[in-house]
Amino acid sequence: MPKSTILLADDDKSLESLLLIGRSNAMQEIYRTLAKVVNVDLTVMIKGESGTGKELIAKALHNLSDRKHKPFIVLNMSLIPKELVEIELFGNEKGAFEQAEGGTLFLDEIGEMPLEAQARLLRALQQGEYTTTIGGTRTITVKARIISATHRDLEKLVKKGVFREDLYYRLNVVSIKAPPLRERREDIDELTRYFLIKANDKGLPLKEISPDAMPILQGYRWNGNVRELENLIYRLTALYSEEVISADIIKKELLKQIDTSEQDLPLPDIIRKYMQTYFMSHGDVLPSSGIYDRLMPLFERPLLEVTLEATEGNQLKAANLLGINRNTLRKKISELGIEYSKKRFGSEE
């Protein structure tokens, strides 16, 4: 397979090794935006769900620009303790701003930045300079391009008062949407082939995906987006000895991917995803009758378990919260074989 390329639609320019893959309309829109702003020093905000490749878009913008030979510094706000954010950004011992001098500073998950740090970031951007923190006396000129990214709705955070409106507009001069994989299904074939090659480069066996399996991959919801697809391909190449991965194998693995702990999905979407993978696991035939009786206990169990933990094992309180009779609750506990902790849900050990 040839090296991955991105196509800048406006000038038909092709550049290799930037790792933005896909020719869908959604990706073409990104390429057009990159072509327009690549050498214009405006702040850029990349919005999109987790796993959509926001950092790759930022890195592509950096590599296409005149700053490509300068540093590309990444600072993920969600991974830094709140009390250390200002030190990481403006520290006397070469904070991120100073490290990125002449290059690009990518502020990932900007929605997690504490208000105090937001105020200082805004001042630095407005004034074009800042004084180093923790007793520092040096004044540093801001010479880095700022690209930020978030999976959160910052406009809602502004309304809640947890994100500064003036900073939002300062960072959001140019907005790029990283599309979820379900909105660019036509790219899944190319992405899959790329990840198969990438897995082989990491020392895993070179595999192929059977033609009848591709529609299954394209029809899946991909709540974890490109990252979820990549992880699936690595798992398939590592765990299966077959040179050609069949549709049945992919159905089996997708059935396991119902853990939505990292996704902010509404409950109906979680249930829908489970049911889709359940039916998919049966291939072209329908499952045997009695689905309701088989599956309802799976939905009831976590409801009862978490409620009992929240009430520290008090069945009367749990029954009242659930709106059912205490005897009914006892019967359900017995029928489902429920064991629960009497430590309050979410409390410390």
Protein backbone atom coordinates (compact mmCIF):
# COMPACT_ATOMS: atom_id res chain seq x y z
CA MET A 1 0.00 0.00 0.00
CA PRO A 2 1.41 3.47 -0.84
CA LYS A 3 2.28 5.92 1.88
CA SER A 4 -0.61 7.80 3.39
CA THR A 5 -1.20 11.23 1.94
CA ILE A 6 -3.42 14.19 2.53
CA LEU A 7 -4.82 16.09 -0.41
CA LEU A 8 -5.16 19.84 -0.17
CA ALA A 9 -8.17 20.17 -2.40
CA ASP A 10 -7.72 23.84 -3.35
CA ASP A 11 -4.34 23.45 -5.02
CA ASP A 12 -4.27 19.67 -5.54
CA LYS A 13 -1.04 19.53 -3.53
CA SER A 14 -0.11 16.12 -2.16
CA LEU A 15 2.18 15.70 0.86
CA GLU A 16 3.31 12.43 2.35
CA SER A 17 3.69 11.26 5.92
CA LEU A 18 1.20 13.66 7.52
CA LEU A 19 -1.07 10.81 8.58
CA LEU A 20 -4.36 12.47 7.77
CA ILE A 21 -6.13 9.72 5.90
CA GLY A 22 -9.32 9.88 3.91
CA ARG A 23 -10.98 11.41 0.88
CA SER A 24 -14.48 11.81 2.33
CA ASN A 25 -16.28 15.13 2.06
CA ALA A 26 -15.70 15.72 5.77
CA MET A 27 -11.94 15.27 5.38
CA GLN A 28 -11.84 17.35 2.20
CA GLU A 29 -13.33 20.23 4.20
CA ILE A 30 -10.45 19.93 6.68
CA TYR A 31 -7.89 19.94 3.87
CA ARG A 32 -9.43 23.08 2.37
CA THR A 33 -9.31 24.87 5.74
CA LEU A 34 -5.69 23.83 6.33
CA ALA A 35 -4.69 25.16 2.91
CA LYS A 36 -6.24 28.55 3.70
CA VAL A 37 -4.71 29.08 7.15
CA VAL A 38 -1.44 27.16 6.99
CA ASN A 39 0.78 30.25 6.87
CA VAL A 40 -1.60 32.74 8.47
CA ASP A 41 -0.82 33.11 12.18
CA LEU A 42 -4.38 32.95 13.45
CA THR A 43 -5.33 30.87 16.46
CA VAL A 44 -7.07 27.63 15.53
CA MET A 45 -9.43 25.54 17.61
CA ILE A 46 -10.08 21.91 16.66
CA LYS A 47 -13.34 20.50 17.95
CA GLY A 48 -14.36 16.87 17.93
CA GLU A 49 -15.11 13.75 19.89
CA SER A 50 -12.37 11.73 21.58
CA GLY A 51 -10.42 9.58 19.15
CA THR A 52 -11.08 11.68 16.04
CA GLY A 53 -7.46 12.69 15.50
CA LYS A 54 -7.45 16.31 16.68
CA GLU A 55 -3.73 16.20 17.50
CA LEU A 56 -2.96 14.79 14.04
CA ILE A 57 -4.78 17.74 12.44
CA ALA A 58 -2.78 20.16 14.60
CA LYS A 59 0.48 18.40 13.69
CA ALA A 60 -0.43 18.48 10.00
CA LEU A 61 -1.06 22.22 10.20
CA HIS A 62 2.33 22.67 11.87
CA ASN A 63 4.18 20.47 9.34
CA LEU A 64 2.62 22.25 6.37
CA SER A 65 3.56 25.69 7.70
CA ASP A 66 6.76 27.72 7.68
CA ARG A 67 7.14 26.69 11.35
CA LYS A 68 7.69 23.02 10.47
CA HIS A 69 11.38 23.07 11.48
CA LYS A 70 10.56 24.56 14.88
CA PRO A 71 9.16 22.69 17.93
CA PHE A 72 5.65 21.26 18.12
CA ILE A 73 4.86 21.21 21.84
CA VAL A 74 1.80 19.40 23.19
CA LEU A 75 0.22 20.21 26.55
CA ASN A 76 -2.83 18.19 27.54
CA MET A 77 -4.83 20.08 30.16
CA SER A 78 -6.67 16.95 31.30
CA LEU A 79 -3.39 15.26 32.31
CA ILE A 80 -1.93 18.10 34.38
CA PRO A 81 -2.93 18.75 38.01
CA LYS A 82 -4.80 22.07 38.08
CA GLU A 83 -2.29 23.67 40.46
CA LEU A 84 0.56 22.94 38.03
CA VAL A 85 -0.98 24.22 34.79
CA GLU A 86 0.48 27.74 35.08
CA ILE A 87 3.92 26.33 35.92
CA GLU A 88 3.81 24.04 32.88
CA LEU A 89 2.81 26.95 30.64
CA PHE A 90 4.77 29.86 32.07
CA GLY A 91 7.41 28.27 34.31
CA ASN A 92 10.76 29.94 34.91
CA GLU A 93 12.47 26.71 33.84
CA LYS A 94 11.32 26.85 30.22
CA GLY A 95 7.55 26.45 30.29
CA ALA A 96 5.66 25.20 27.26
CA PHE A 97 5.37 28.66 25.71
CA GLU A 98 9.12 29.15 25.77
CA GLN A 99 9.80 25.60 24.56
CA ALA A 100 7.53 26.20 21.55
CA GLU A 101 9.29 29.43 20.53
CA GLY A 102 8.98 29.91 16.80
CA GLY A 103 6.89 26.76 16.46
CA THR A 104 3.45 25.60 17.59
CA LEU A 105 1.97 25.17 21.05
CA PHE A 106 -0.90 22.69 20.98
CA LEU A 107 -3.19 23.03 23.99
CA ASP A 108 -5.19 19.82 24.03
CA GLU A 109 -8.43 19.51 26.06
CA ILE A 110 -8.45 23.28 26.59
CA GLY A 111 -11.86 22.97 28.27
CA GLU A 112 -10.12 21.47 31.32
CA MET A 113 -7.95 24.52 31.94
CA PRO A 114 -8.65 26.15 35.34
CA LEU A 115 -9.98 29.71 35.36
CA GLU A 116 -6.84 31.20 36.92
CA ALA A 117 -4.69 29.79 34.13
CA GLN A 118 -7.26 30.93 31.55
CA ALA A 119 -6.89 34.52 32.76
CA ARG A 120 -3.12 34.38 32.46
CA LEU A 121 -3.25 32.74 29.04
CA LEU A 122 -5.59 35.47 27.83
CA ARG A 123 -3.26 38.22 29.08
CA ALA A 124 -0.28 36.57 27.38
CA LEU A 125 -2.13 36.37 24.07
CA GLN A 126 -3.41 39.95 24.32
CA GLN A 127 -0.09 41.47 25.34
CA GLY A 128 2.13 39.19 23.29
CA GLU A 129 4.35 38.53 26.30
CA TYR A 130 4.34 37.22 29.87
CA THR A 131 6.51 37.15 32.97
CA THR A 132 7.76 33.75 34.08
CA THR A 133 6.08 32.29 37.14
CA ILE A 134 7.38 31.12 40.56
CA GLY A 135 9.49 34.15 41.37
CA GLY A 136 10.77 34.56 37.85
CA THR A 137 11.65 38.00 36.57
CA ARG A 138 12.18 37.22 32.91
CA THR A 139 9.74 38.61 30.35
CA ILE A 140 9.09 36.21 27.49
CA THR A 141 7.68 37.27 24.13
CA VAL A 142 5.02 34.91 22.78
CA LYS A 143 6.40 33.63 19.48
CA ALA A 144 4.48 30.37 19.16
CA ARG A 145 1.35 29.71 17.14
CA ILE A 146 -1.48 28.57 19.38
CA ILE A 147 -3.69 25.66 18.37
CA SER A 148 -6.19 24.33 20.89
CA ALA A 149 -8.53 21.36 20.89
CA THR A 150 -11.48 20.10 22.87
CA HIS A 151 -14.11 17.37 22.86
CA ARG A 152 -16.37 19.49 25.06
CA ASP A 153 -18.96 22.11 24.15
CA LEU A 154 -17.09 25.26 25.18
CA GLU A 155 -20.07 27.50 24.54
CA LYS A 156 -21.96 25.60 27.23
CA LEU A 157 -18.96 25.91 29.55
CA VAL A 158 -18.94 29.67 28.91
CA LYS A 159 -22.61 29.87 29.91
CA LYS A 160 -21.84 27.92 33.08
CA GLY A 161 -19.07 30.34 33.94
CA VAL A 162 -16.27 27.75 33.91
CA PHE A 163 -14.64 28.94 30.69
CA ARG A 164 -13.90 32.58 29.88
CA GLU A 165 -15.89 33.95 26.96
CA ASP A 166 -13.12 36.37 25.95
CA LEU A 167 -10.57 33.54 25.87
CA TYR A 168 -12.93 31.35 23.86
CA TYR A 169 -13.22 33.96 21.11
CA ARG A 170 -9.48 34.62 21.23
CA LEU A 171 -8.71 30.91 20.65
CA ASN A 172 -11.57 30.21 18.25
CA VAL A 173 -10.62 32.56 15.41
CA VAL A 174 -10.50 29.60 13.02
CA SER A 175 -12.55 26.53 13.89
CA ILE A 176 -11.95 23.06 12.46
CA LYS A 177 -14.29 20.16 13.10
CA ALA A 178 -12.69 16.73 13.42
CA PRO A 179 -15.52 14.50 12.14
CA PRO A 180 -16.53 11.35 13.98
CA LEU A 181 -15.80 8.16 12.08
CA ARG A 182 -19.52 7.47 11.58
CA GLU A 183 -19.66 10.63 9.44
CA ARG A 184 -16.82 9.47 7.18
CA ARG A 185 -17.55 5.77 6.74
CA GLU A 186 -16.12 5.81 3.22
CA ASP A 187 -12.66 6.33 4.79
CA ILE A 188 -12.82 3.16 6.91
CA ASP A 189 -11.43 0.93 4.14
CA GLU A 190 -8.33 3.12 3.71
CA LEU A 191 -7.88 3.59 7.45
CA THR A 192 -8.11 -0.16 8.03
CA ARG A 193 -5.45 -0.91 5.42
CA TYR A 194 -3.21 1.74 6.93
CA PHE A 195 -3.54 0.30 10.44
CA LEU A 196 -2.79 -3.21 9.13
CA ILE A 197 0.49 -1.89 7.70
CA LYS A 198 1.20 0.07 10.88
CA ALA A 199 0.62 -3.06 12.99
CA ASN A 200 3.08 -4.95 10.81
CA ASP A 201 5.64 -2.16 11.28
CA LYS A 202 5.28 -2.72 15.03
CA GLY A 203 6.23 -6.38 14.61
CA LEU A 204 2.76 -7.92 14.36
CA PRO A 205 1.89 -10.33 11.53
CA LEU A 206 0.68 -8.80 8.26
CA LYS A 207 -3.03 -9.52 7.86
CA GLU A 208 -5.83 -8.88 5.41
CA ILE A 209 -9.49 -8.16 6.01
CA SER A 210 -11.88 -10.31 4.00
CA PRO A 211 -14.03 -8.34 1.53
CA ASP A 212 -17.28 -9.42 3.20
CA ALA A 213 -16.02 -8.04 6.53
CA MET A 214 -15.59 -4.46 5.33
CA PRO A 215 -19.35 -3.66 5.27
CA ILE A 216 -19.48 -4.74 8.93
CA LEU A 217 -16.70 -2.31 9.84
CA GLN A 218 -18.37 0.43 7.83
CA GLY A 219 -21.73 -0.18 9.47
CA TYR A 220 -20.46 -0.13 13.05
CA ARG A 221 -21.11 3.04 15.11
CA TRP A 222 -17.49 3.61 16.33
CA ASN A 223 -18.17 5.62 19.45
CA GLY A 224 -14.41 5.61 20.07
CA ASN A 225 -13.83 6.81 16.49
CA VAL A 226 -10.50 6.26 14.68
CA ARG A 227 -8.74 5.30 17.91
CA GLU A 228 -11.26 2.51 18.47
CA LEU A 229 -10.76 1.22 14.90
CA GLU A 230 -6.98 1.31 15.33
CA ASN A 231 -7.15 -0.64 18.59
CA LEU A 232 -9.41 -3.23 16.98
CA ILE A 233 -6.99 -3.80 14.10
CA TYR A 234 -4.05 -4.22 16.48
CA ARG A 235 -6.05 -6.70 18.53
CA LEU A 236 -7.07 -8.68 15.45
CA THR A 237 -3.48 -8.95 14.20
CA ALA A 238 -2.16 -9.93 17.62
CA LEU A 239 -4.77 -12.48 18.71
CA TYR A 240 -5.70 -14.36 15.54
CA SER A 241 -3.46 -16.66 13.51
CA GLU A 242 -5.53 -16.43 10.33
CA GLU A 243 -3.88 -14.48 7.52
CA VAL A 244 -7.28 -13.25 6.35
CA ILE A 245 -9.54 -11.90 9.09
CA SER A 246 -13.07 -13.11 8.41
CA ALA A 247 -16.40 -11.38 8.94
CA ASP A 248 -17.19 -13.81 11.76
CA ILE A 249 -14.03 -12.87 13.64
CA ILE A 250 -14.79 -9.17 13.32
CA LYS A 251 -18.37 -9.70 14.51
CA LYS A 252 -17.01 -11.59 17.51
CA GLU A 253 -14.57 -8.80 18.41
CA LEU A 254 -17.05 -5.99 17.87
CA LEU A 255 -19.43 -7.73 20.23
CA LYS A 256 -16.82 -7.28 22.96
CA GLN A 257 -16.55 -3.56 22.31
CA ILE A 258 -19.54 -2.53 24.37
CA ASP A 259 -17.56 -0.85 27.14
CA THR A 260 -18.61 2.80 26.91
CA SER A 261 -16.94 3.87 30.15
CA GLU A 262 -14.93 6.52 28.30
CA GLN A 263 -17.87 7.84 26.33
CA ASP A 264 -20.42 10.39 27.46
CA LEU A 265 -23.26 8.46 25.86
CA PRO A 266 -26.91 8.73 26.85
CA LEU A 267 -28.30 5.52 28.33
CA PRO A 268 -30.53 4.75 25.30
CA ASP A 269 -27.45 4.91 23.02
CA ILE A 270 -25.56 2.52 25.27
CA ILE A 271 -28.44 0.02 25.16
CA ARG A 272 -28.80 0.52 21.40
CA LYS A 273 -25.10 -0.20 20.89
CA TYR A 274 -25.35 -3.35 22.97
CA MET A 275 -28.37 -4.58 21.02
CA GLN A 276 -26.74 -3.86 17.66
CA THR A 277 -23.66 -5.87 18.55
CA TYR A 278 -25.85 -8.62 20.02
CA PHE A 279 -27.75 -9.08 16.75
CA MET A 280 -24.56 -8.72 14.72
CA SER A 281 -22.98 -11.57 16.66
CA HIS A 282 -25.61 -13.93 15.22
CA GLY A 283 -24.65 -13.17 11.64
CA ASP A 284 -27.38 -13.65 9.04
CA VAL A 285 -29.72 -15.55 11.36
CA LEU A 286 -31.89 -14.18 14.14
CA PRO A 287 -31.22 -15.24 17.74
CA SER A 288 -33.53 -17.73 19.39
CA SER A 289 -36.80 -16.47 20.86
CA GLY A 290 -36.97 -15.21 24.44
CA ILE A 291 -34.63 -12.21 24.04
CA TYR A 292 -36.57 -10.13 26.54
CA ASP A 293 -36.30 -12.66 29.36
CA ARG A 294 -32.61 -13.27 28.63
CA LEU A 295 -31.52 -9.67 28.42
CA MET A 296 -33.66 -7.84 30.97
CA PRO A 297 -31.66 -9.28 33.91
CA LEU A 298 -28.51 -7.79 32.32
CA PHE A 299 -30.08 -4.34 32.44
CA GLU A 300 -31.63 -4.81 35.88
CA ARG A 301 -28.47 -5.99 37.61
CA PRO A 302 -26.36 -2.79 37.39
CA LEU A 303 -29.43 -0.68 38.25
CA LEU A 304 -29.98 -2.59 41.50
CA GLU A 305 -26.30 -3.01 42.36
CA VAL A 306 -25.41 0.68 42.06
CA THR A 307 -28.57 1.77 43.90
CA LEU A 308 -27.75 -0.59 46.77
CA GLU A 309 -24.19 0.72 46.93
CA ALA A 310 -25.48 4.30 46.94
CA THR A 311 -27.70 3.52 49.93
CA GLU A 312 -24.87 1.63 51.68
CA GLY A 313 -26.82 -1.61 51.49
CA ASN A 314 -30.03 -0.23 53.03
CA GLN A 315 -32.68 -2.19 51.14
CA LEU A 316 -35.58 -0.03 52.34
CA LYS A 317 -33.92 3.14 51.04
CA ALA A 318 -32.97 1.39 47.80
CA ALA A 319 -36.53 0.17 47.27
CA ASN A 320 -37.87 3.69 47.86
CA LEU A 321 -35.39 5.15 45.38
CA LEU A 322 -36.30 2.54 42.80
CA GLY A 323 -40.01 2.98 43.44
CA ILE A 324 -40.61 -0.71 44.06
CA ASN A 325 -41.75 -2.80 47.02
CA ARG A 326 -39.03 -3.93 49.45
CA ASN A 327 -40.11 -7.56 49.03
CA THR A 328 -39.82 -7.16 45.25
CA LEU A 329 -36.29 -5.86 45.69
CA ARG A 330 -35.36 -8.80 47.93
CA LYS A 331 -36.78 -11.20 45.36
CA LYS A 332 -34.76 -9.57 42.57
CA ILE A 333 -31.57 -9.70 44.65
CA SER A 334 -32.10 -13.41 45.17
CA GLU A 335 -33.09 -14.19 41.57
CA LEU A 336 -30.15 -12.30 40.08
CA GLY A 337 -27.66 -13.45 42.71
CA ILE A 338 -26.66 -9.86 43.40
CA GLU A 339 -23.77 -9.16 45.75
CA TYR A 340 -23.09 -5.55 46.60
CA SER A 341 -20.72 -3.41 48.57
CA LYS A 342 -22.05 -1.52 51.59
CA LYS A 343 -19.51 1.24 50.90
CA ARG A 344 -21.29 4.22 49.43
CA PHE A 345 -20.88 4.49 45.66
CA GLY A 346 -18.08 6.93 44.80
CA SER A 347 -16.73 7.19 48.37
CA GLU A 348 -13.08 6.86 49.27
CA GLU A 349 -11.64 3.70 50.74
